[in-house]
Amino acid sequence: MTVTDADRLEEMRRRYLADHVRTASPGQRLLMLFDRLLHDLHSAERAFVEMDRKAINDDLVHAQQILFALRDPLDLTTEIGRNLGGLYDYCLTRLLTANLEKDVSLLAECVEILEQIRDANRRVVDSAGLEVTVAG
């Protein structure tokens, strides 16, 4: 098998993204997770329009994996940890149900909740004077 220009470009893109994540601050990585999570949810919404079951499943499963990554390290002995954990659990349940029942209506509320959490985190990162560049 020969390596094409497209293969080389894809490999360069992957390396760039990996380096970008590796060199990002913790706040920047958190925002990257939220941006990818919201990307997955919007992609799932588009897949529902075409009723592409595989794309729906893939996007929602990846979104759930990110939610677990956001939820699991929370300190549940703090009020904010418990509150965020509850919101993430709520969204996890909604995404699981949306996937099983193929019900797009369950996504909008999660998108709204998660955008608000992302935006609050962005304000904190920005107020700390950190430059945030998010890769798509």
N, C-alpha and C. Protein backbone atom coordinates (compact mmCIF):
# COMPACT_ATOMS: atom_id res chain seq x y z
N MET A 1 0.85 -1.17 0.00
CA MET A 1 0.00 0.00 0.00
C MET A 1 0.90 1.24 0.00
N THR A 2 0.58 2.19 -0.83
CA THR A 2 1.38 3.41 -0.91
C THR A 2 0.76 4.49 -0.04
N VAL A 3 1.63 5.35 0.45
CA VAL A 3 1.19 6.47 1.26
C VAL A 3 0.89 7.64 0.33
N THR A 4 -0.33 8.13 0.42
CA THR A 4 -0.75 9.23 -0.45
C THR A 4 -0.51 10.56 0.25
N ASP A 5 -0.64 11.62 -0.51
CA ASP A 5 -0.55 12.96 0.07
C ASP A 5 -1.63 13.16 1.12
N ALA A 6 -2.81 12.63 0.86
CA ALA A 6 -3.90 12.75 1.82
C ALA A 6 -3.55 12.04 3.13
N ASP A 7 -2.91 10.87 3.03
CA ASP A 7 -2.49 10.14 4.23
C ASP A 7 -1.46 10.95 5.02
N ARG A 8 -0.50 11.54 4.30
CA ARG A 8 0.52 12.36 4.96
C ARG A 8 -0.10 13.58 5.62
N LEU A 9 -1.04 14.22 4.95
CA LEU A 9 -1.71 15.37 5.54
C LEU A 9 -2.50 14.98 6.78
N GLU A 10 -3.17 13.86 6.72
CA GLU A 10 -3.95 13.39 7.88
C GLU A 10 -3.01 13.09 9.04
N GLU A 11 -1.88 12.47 8.79
CA GLU A 11 -0.92 12.18 9.84
C GLU A 11 -0.37 13.48 10.44
N MET A 12 -0.09 14.46 9.61
CA MET A 12 0.39 15.76 10.10
C MET A 12 -0.68 16.43 10.96
N ARG A 13 -1.94 16.34 10.53
CA ARG A 13 -3.05 16.91 11.31
C ARG A 13 -3.15 16.24 12.66
N ARG A 14 -3.05 14.91 12.69
CA ARG A 14 -3.13 14.17 13.96
C ARG A 14 -1.99 14.57 14.90
N ARG A 15 -0.78 14.68 14.34
CA ARG A 15 0.37 15.08 15.17
C ARG A 15 0.20 16.49 15.72
N TYR A 16 -0.30 17.40 14.87
CA TYR A 16 -0.52 18.77 15.31
C TYR A 16 -1.52 18.80 16.47
N LEU A 17 -2.64 18.08 16.31
CA LEU A 17 -3.66 18.06 17.36
C LEU A 17 -3.12 17.44 18.64
N ALA A 18 -2.36 16.35 18.51
CA ALA A 18 -1.78 15.70 19.70
C ALA A 18 -0.82 16.66 20.40
N ASP A 19 0.02 17.35 19.64
CA ASP A 19 0.93 18.33 20.23
C ASP A 19 0.17 19.48 20.87
N HIS A 20 -0.90 19.90 20.22
CA HIS A 20 -1.72 21.00 20.73
C HIS A 20 -2.32 20.63 22.08
N VAL A 21 -2.83 19.42 22.19
CA VAL A 21 -3.42 18.97 23.45
C VAL A 21 -2.34 18.80 24.51
N ARG A 22 -1.22 18.21 24.13
CA ARG A 22 -0.12 17.98 25.08
C ARG A 22 0.42 19.28 25.68
N THR A 23 0.46 20.32 24.88
CA THR A 23 1.05 21.58 25.34
C THR A 23 0.02 22.55 25.92
N ALA A 24 -1.24 22.18 25.90
CA ALA A 24 -2.30 23.05 26.42
C ALA A 24 -2.30 23.03 27.95
N SER A 25 -2.75 24.12 28.52
CA SER A 25 -2.92 24.18 29.98
C SER A 25 -4.11 23.31 30.38
N PRO A 26 -4.22 22.97 31.67
CA PRO A 26 -5.39 22.19 32.11
C PRO A 26 -6.72 22.88 31.75
N GLY A 27 -6.77 24.20 31.89
CA GLY A 27 -7.99 24.92 31.53
C GLY A 27 -8.31 24.82 30.06
N GLN A 28 -7.28 24.92 29.24
CA GLN A 28 -7.48 24.79 27.80
C GLN A 28 -7.94 23.38 27.45
N ARG A 29 -7.37 22.38 28.08
CA ARG A 29 -7.80 21.00 27.81
C ARG A 29 -9.25 20.78 28.22
N LEU A 30 -9.65 21.37 29.34
CA LEU A 30 -11.04 21.26 29.77
C LEU A 30 -11.97 21.86 28.72
N LEU A 31 -11.61 23.03 28.20
CA LEU A 31 -12.44 23.67 27.17
C LEU A 31 -12.45 22.85 25.90
N MET A 32 -11.34 22.23 25.56
CA MET A 32 -11.29 21.36 24.38
C MET A 32 -12.25 20.19 24.55
N LEU A 33 -12.29 19.63 25.76
CA LEU A 33 -13.23 18.52 26.01
C LEU A 33 -14.67 18.98 25.80
N PHE A 34 -15.00 20.13 26.37
CA PHE A 34 -16.37 20.64 26.21
C PHE A 34 -16.69 20.92 24.75
N ASP A 35 -15.75 21.52 24.04
CA ASP A 35 -16.00 21.81 22.63
C ASP A 35 -16.20 20.53 21.83
N ARG A 36 -15.42 19.51 22.12
CA ARG A 36 -15.59 18.23 21.41
C ARG A 36 -16.92 17.57 21.80
N LEU A 37 -17.27 17.64 23.07
CA LEU A 37 -18.54 17.10 23.53
C LEU A 37 -19.70 17.76 22.80
N LEU A 38 -19.67 19.08 22.72
CA LEU A 38 -20.75 19.79 22.03
C LEU A 38 -20.72 19.52 20.53
N HIS A 39 -19.54 19.37 19.97
CA HIS A 39 -19.43 18.99 18.55
C HIS A 39 -20.13 17.65 18.32
N ASP A 40 -19.86 16.68 19.20
CA ASP A 40 -20.50 15.36 19.07
C ASP A 40 -22.02 15.46 19.16
N LEU A 41 -22.52 16.28 20.07
CA LEU A 41 -23.97 16.40 20.22
C LEU A 41 -24.61 17.06 19.01
N HIS A 42 -23.96 18.08 18.47
CA HIS A 42 -24.49 18.72 17.26
C HIS A 42 -24.41 17.77 16.06
N SER A 43 -23.36 17.00 16.01
CA SER A 43 -23.23 16.00 14.94
C SER A 43 -24.32 14.95 15.06
N ALA A 44 -24.63 14.53 16.29
CA ALA A 44 -25.71 13.56 16.50
C ALA A 44 -27.05 14.15 16.07
N GLU A 45 -27.27 15.43 16.36
CA GLU A 45 -28.51 16.08 15.93
C GLU A 45 -28.64 16.04 14.41
N ARG A 46 -27.53 16.31 13.71
CA ARG A 46 -27.56 16.24 12.24
C ARG A 46 -27.82 14.80 11.76
N ALA A 47 -27.23 13.84 12.46
CA ALA A 47 -27.43 12.44 12.08
C ALA A 47 -28.88 12.01 12.29
N PHE A 48 -29.55 12.58 13.29
CA PHE A 48 -30.97 12.28 13.51
C PHE A 48 -31.80 12.74 12.32
N VAL A 49 -31.44 13.86 11.72
CA VAL A 49 -32.19 14.37 10.57
C VAL A 49 -32.21 13.33 9.45
N GLU A 50 -31.07 12.69 9.24
CA GLU A 50 -30.97 11.68 8.18
C GLU A 50 -31.24 10.27 8.70
N MET A 51 -31.50 10.17 10.00
CA MET A 51 -31.71 8.91 10.70
C MET A 51 -30.58 7.92 10.38
N ASP A 52 -29.35 8.44 10.47
CA ASP A 52 -28.14 7.63 10.31
C ASP A 52 -27.83 7.02 11.67
N ARG A 53 -28.37 5.83 11.91
CA ARG A 53 -28.28 5.18 13.22
C ARG A 53 -26.85 4.97 13.69
N LYS A 54 -25.96 4.62 12.78
CA LYS A 54 -24.57 4.40 13.17
C LYS A 54 -23.93 5.71 13.63
N ALA A 55 -24.14 6.77 12.89
CA ALA A 55 -23.57 8.07 13.26
C ALA A 55 -24.18 8.56 14.57
N ILE A 56 -25.48 8.38 14.74
CA ILE A 56 -26.14 8.76 16.00
C ILE A 56 -25.47 8.04 17.16
N ASN A 57 -25.35 6.72 17.04
CA ASN A 57 -24.76 5.92 18.10
C ASN A 57 -23.31 6.34 18.36
N ASP A 58 -22.52 6.45 17.31
CA ASP A 58 -21.11 6.80 17.48
C ASP A 58 -20.95 8.15 18.17
N ASP A 59 -21.71 9.15 17.73
CA ASP A 59 -21.60 10.48 18.32
C ASP A 59 -22.05 10.49 19.78
N LEU A 60 -23.16 9.82 20.07
CA LEU A 60 -23.67 9.83 21.44
C LEU A 60 -22.80 9.01 22.38
N VAL A 61 -22.26 7.91 21.91
CA VAL A 61 -21.35 7.11 22.75
C VAL A 61 -20.09 7.91 23.06
N HIS A 62 -19.54 8.60 22.05
CA HIS A 62 -18.34 9.41 22.30
C HIS A 62 -18.67 10.55 23.27
N ALA A 63 -19.82 11.17 23.11
CA ALA A 63 -20.24 12.23 24.04
C ALA A 63 -20.35 11.69 25.46
N GLN A 64 -20.88 10.48 25.61
CA GLN A 64 -20.98 9.87 26.94
C GLN A 64 -19.60 9.62 27.52
N GLN A 65 -18.65 9.19 26.71
CA GLN A 65 -17.29 8.95 27.19
C GLN A 65 -16.67 10.25 27.72
N ILE A 66 -16.92 11.33 27.02
CA ILE A 66 -16.40 12.63 27.48
C ILE A 66 -17.07 13.03 28.78
N LEU A 67 -18.37 12.82 28.88
CA LEU A 67 -19.07 13.15 30.13
C LEU A 67 -18.51 12.34 31.30
N PHE A 68 -18.20 11.07 31.09
CA PHE A 68 -17.58 10.27 32.15
C PHE A 68 -16.22 10.87 32.52
N ALA A 69 -15.45 11.30 31.52
CA ALA A 69 -14.14 11.89 31.78
C ALA A 69 -14.27 13.20 32.57
N LEU A 70 -15.34 13.93 32.35
CA LEU A 70 -15.59 15.16 33.09
C LEU A 70 -16.12 14.87 34.50
N ARG A 71 -16.93 13.86 34.62
CA ARG A 71 -17.58 13.55 35.90
C ARG A 71 -16.68 12.81 36.87
N ASP A 72 -15.94 11.84 36.39
CA ASP A 72 -15.22 10.94 37.29
C ASP A 72 -14.20 11.62 38.22
N PRO A 73 -13.47 12.64 37.78
CA PRO A 73 -12.50 13.24 38.71
C PRO A 73 -13.09 14.27 39.67
N LEU A 74 -14.39 14.51 39.61
CA LEU A 74 -15.00 15.52 40.48
C LEU A 74 -14.86 15.13 41.95
N ASP A 75 -14.68 16.14 42.78
CA ASP A 75 -14.64 15.94 44.23
C ASP A 75 -16.08 16.04 44.73
N LEU A 76 -16.69 14.90 44.97
CA LEU A 76 -18.10 14.87 45.37
C LEU A 76 -18.33 15.27 46.81
N THR A 77 -17.25 15.59 47.54
CA THR A 77 -17.42 16.09 48.91
C THR A 77 -17.69 17.59 48.91
N THR A 78 -17.55 18.23 47.74
CA THR A 78 -17.83 19.66 47.64
C THR A 78 -19.19 19.87 46.99
N GLU A 79 -19.78 21.00 47.29
CA GLU A 79 -21.09 21.30 46.71
C GLU A 79 -21.02 21.41 45.19
N ILE A 80 -19.99 22.10 44.69
CA ILE A 80 -19.89 22.25 43.24
C ILE A 80 -19.64 20.89 42.57
N GLY A 81 -18.86 20.04 43.21
CA GLY A 81 -18.61 18.70 42.66
C GLY A 81 -19.90 17.89 42.58
N ARG A 82 -20.69 17.94 43.65
CA ARG A 82 -21.98 17.22 43.65
C ARG A 82 -22.93 17.79 42.60
N ASN A 83 -22.98 19.13 42.50
CA ASN A 83 -23.88 19.76 41.53
C ASN A 83 -23.49 19.41 40.09
N LEU A 84 -22.20 19.55 39.79
CA LEU A 84 -21.75 19.20 38.44
C LEU A 84 -21.95 17.71 38.17
N GLY A 85 -21.64 16.88 39.15
CA GLY A 85 -21.84 15.44 38.99
C GLY A 85 -23.29 15.11 38.68
N GLY A 86 -24.21 15.79 39.36
CA GLY A 86 -25.63 15.57 39.11
C GLY A 86 -26.03 15.99 37.71
N LEU A 87 -25.51 17.12 37.25
CA LEU A 87 -25.81 17.58 35.89
C LEU A 87 -25.24 16.62 34.85
N TYR A 88 -24.01 16.16 35.07
CA TYR A 88 -23.40 15.22 34.12
C TYR A 88 -24.17 13.90 34.11
N ASP A 89 -24.57 13.43 35.29
CA ASP A 89 -25.36 12.18 35.35
C ASP A 89 -26.69 12.34 34.63
N TYR A 90 -27.32 13.49 34.81
CA TYR A 90 -28.59 13.76 34.14
C TYR A 90 -28.39 13.70 32.62
N CYS A 91 -27.34 14.37 32.14
CA CYS A 91 -27.07 14.37 30.69
C CYS A 91 -26.71 12.97 30.20
N LEU A 92 -25.95 12.23 30.98
CA LEU A 92 -25.62 10.86 30.59
C LEU A 92 -26.89 10.03 30.40
N THR A 93 -27.80 10.15 31.33
CA THR A 93 -29.06 9.41 31.24
C THR A 93 -29.86 9.84 30.01
N ARG A 94 -29.92 11.13 29.77
CA ARG A 94 -30.66 11.64 28.60
C ARG A 94 -30.03 11.15 27.29
N LEU A 95 -28.70 11.16 27.22
CA LEU A 95 -28.03 10.72 25.99
C LEU A 95 -28.21 9.23 25.77
N LEU A 96 -28.14 8.46 26.83
CA LEU A 96 -28.36 7.02 26.72
C LEU A 96 -29.78 6.74 26.22
N THR A 97 -30.75 7.43 26.80
CA THR A 97 -32.15 7.25 26.38
C THR A 97 -32.34 7.72 24.94
N ALA A 98 -31.75 8.86 24.59
CA ALA A 98 -31.86 9.37 23.21
C ALA A 98 -31.32 8.35 22.23
N ASN A 99 -30.23 7.71 22.59
CA ASN A 99 -29.61 6.73 21.70
C ASN A 99 -30.47 5.48 21.60
N LEU A 100 -30.93 4.97 22.72
CA LEU A 100 -31.72 3.74 22.71
C LEU A 100 -33.07 3.93 22.01
N GLU A 101 -33.70 5.07 22.28
CA GLU A 101 -35.04 5.31 21.72
C GLU A 101 -35.00 6.12 20.43
N LYS A 102 -33.81 6.52 20.02
CA LYS A 102 -33.62 7.36 18.82
C LYS A 102 -34.54 8.58 18.89
N ASP A 103 -34.39 9.33 20.00
CA ASP A 103 -35.23 10.49 20.28
C ASP A 103 -34.37 11.75 20.37
N VAL A 104 -34.33 12.50 19.29
CA VAL A 104 -33.50 13.70 19.21
C VAL A 104 -33.93 14.77 20.20
N SER A 105 -35.19 14.76 20.61
CA SER A 105 -35.69 15.82 21.48
C SER A 105 -34.99 15.84 22.84
N LEU A 106 -34.33 14.75 23.20
CA LEU A 106 -33.65 14.69 24.49
C LEU A 106 -32.29 15.39 24.48
N LEU A 107 -31.82 15.77 23.31
CA LEU A 107 -30.48 16.36 23.22
C LEU A 107 -30.45 17.86 23.52
N ALA A 108 -31.47 18.58 23.14
CA ALA A 108 -31.45 20.05 23.23
C ALA A 108 -31.19 20.54 24.65
N GLU A 109 -31.83 19.93 25.61
CA GLU A 109 -31.64 20.36 27.00
C GLU A 109 -30.21 20.11 27.46
N CYS A 110 -29.64 18.98 27.06
CA CYS A 110 -28.25 18.69 27.43
C CYS A 110 -27.30 19.68 26.77
N VAL A 111 -27.54 19.99 25.52
CA VAL A 111 -26.69 20.97 24.83
C VAL A 111 -26.73 22.30 25.58
N GLU A 112 -27.91 22.73 25.97
CA GLU A 112 -28.04 24.00 26.69
C GLU A 112 -27.29 23.97 28.02
N ILE A 113 -27.45 22.91 28.78
CA ILE A 113 -26.77 22.77 30.08
C ILE A 113 -25.26 22.78 29.88
N LEU A 114 -24.79 21.98 28.95
CA LEU A 114 -23.35 21.83 28.75
C LEU A 114 -22.72 23.08 28.15
N GLU A 115 -23.45 23.81 27.32
CA GLU A 115 -22.94 25.09 26.80
C GLU A 115 -22.77 26.09 27.94
N GLN A 116 -23.71 26.09 28.88
CA GLN A 116 -23.61 27.01 30.02
C GLN A 116 -22.40 26.66 30.88
N ILE A 117 -22.17 25.38 31.11
CA ILE A 117 -21.01 24.97 31.91
C ILE A 117 -19.72 25.31 31.17
N ARG A 118 -19.69 25.04 29.87
CA ARG A 118 -18.50 25.38 29.07
C ARG A 118 -18.23 26.87 29.11
N ASP A 119 -19.28 27.66 28.93
CA ASP A 119 -19.11 29.12 28.91
C ASP A 119 -18.62 29.65 30.26
N ALA A 120 -19.12 29.07 31.35
CA ALA A 120 -18.64 29.47 32.68
C ALA A 120 -17.16 29.12 32.84
N ASN A 121 -16.78 27.95 32.38
CA ASN A 121 -15.37 27.56 32.44
C ASN A 121 -14.51 28.46 31.55
N ARG A 122 -15.02 28.83 30.40
CA ARG A 122 -14.28 29.72 29.50
C ARG A 122 -14.03 31.08 30.18
N ARG A 123 -15.05 31.58 30.88
CA ARG A 123 -14.87 32.86 31.58
C ARG A 123 -13.78 32.74 32.65
N VAL A 124 -13.75 31.62 33.36
CA VAL A 124 -12.73 31.41 34.38
C VAL A 124 -11.35 31.35 33.74
N VAL A 125 -11.22 30.57 32.67
CA VAL A 125 -9.93 30.45 31.99
C VAL A 125 -9.50 31.81 31.43
N ASP A 126 -10.43 32.52 30.82
CA ASP A 126 -10.11 33.84 30.26
C ASP A 126 -9.71 34.83 31.36
N SER A 127 -10.39 34.77 32.50
CA SER A 127 -10.07 35.71 33.58
C SER A 127 -8.71 35.40 34.21
N ALA A 128 -8.25 34.17 34.03
CA ALA A 128 -6.93 33.80 34.53
C ALA A 128 -5.84 34.27 33.58
N GLY A 129 -6.25 34.89 32.46
CA GLY A 129 -5.28 35.43 31.51
C GLY A 129 -4.69 34.40 30.60
N LEU A 130 -5.37 33.29 30.40
CA LEU A 130 -4.86 32.24 29.53
C LEU A 130 -5.45 32.39 28.16
N GLU A 131 -4.63 32.29 27.15
CA GLU A 131 -5.10 32.34 25.77
C GLU A 131 -5.61 30.95 25.41
N VAL A 132 -6.80 30.88 24.85
CA VAL A 132 -7.39 29.59 24.50
C VAL A 132 -7.54 29.51 23.00
N THR A 133 -6.96 28.47 22.43
CA THR A 133 -7.12 28.18 21.02
C THR A 133 -7.67 26.78 20.95
N VAL A 134 -8.85 26.62 20.37
CA VAL A 134 -9.51 25.33 20.34
C VAL A 134 -9.41 24.76 18.93
N ALA A 135 -8.93 23.53 18.85
CA ALA A 135 -8.82 22.84 17.55
C ALA A 135 -10.11 22.08 17.30
N GLY A 136 -10.56 22.06 16.07
CA GLY A 136 -11.81 21.39 15.72
C GLY A 136 -11.68 19.98 15.37
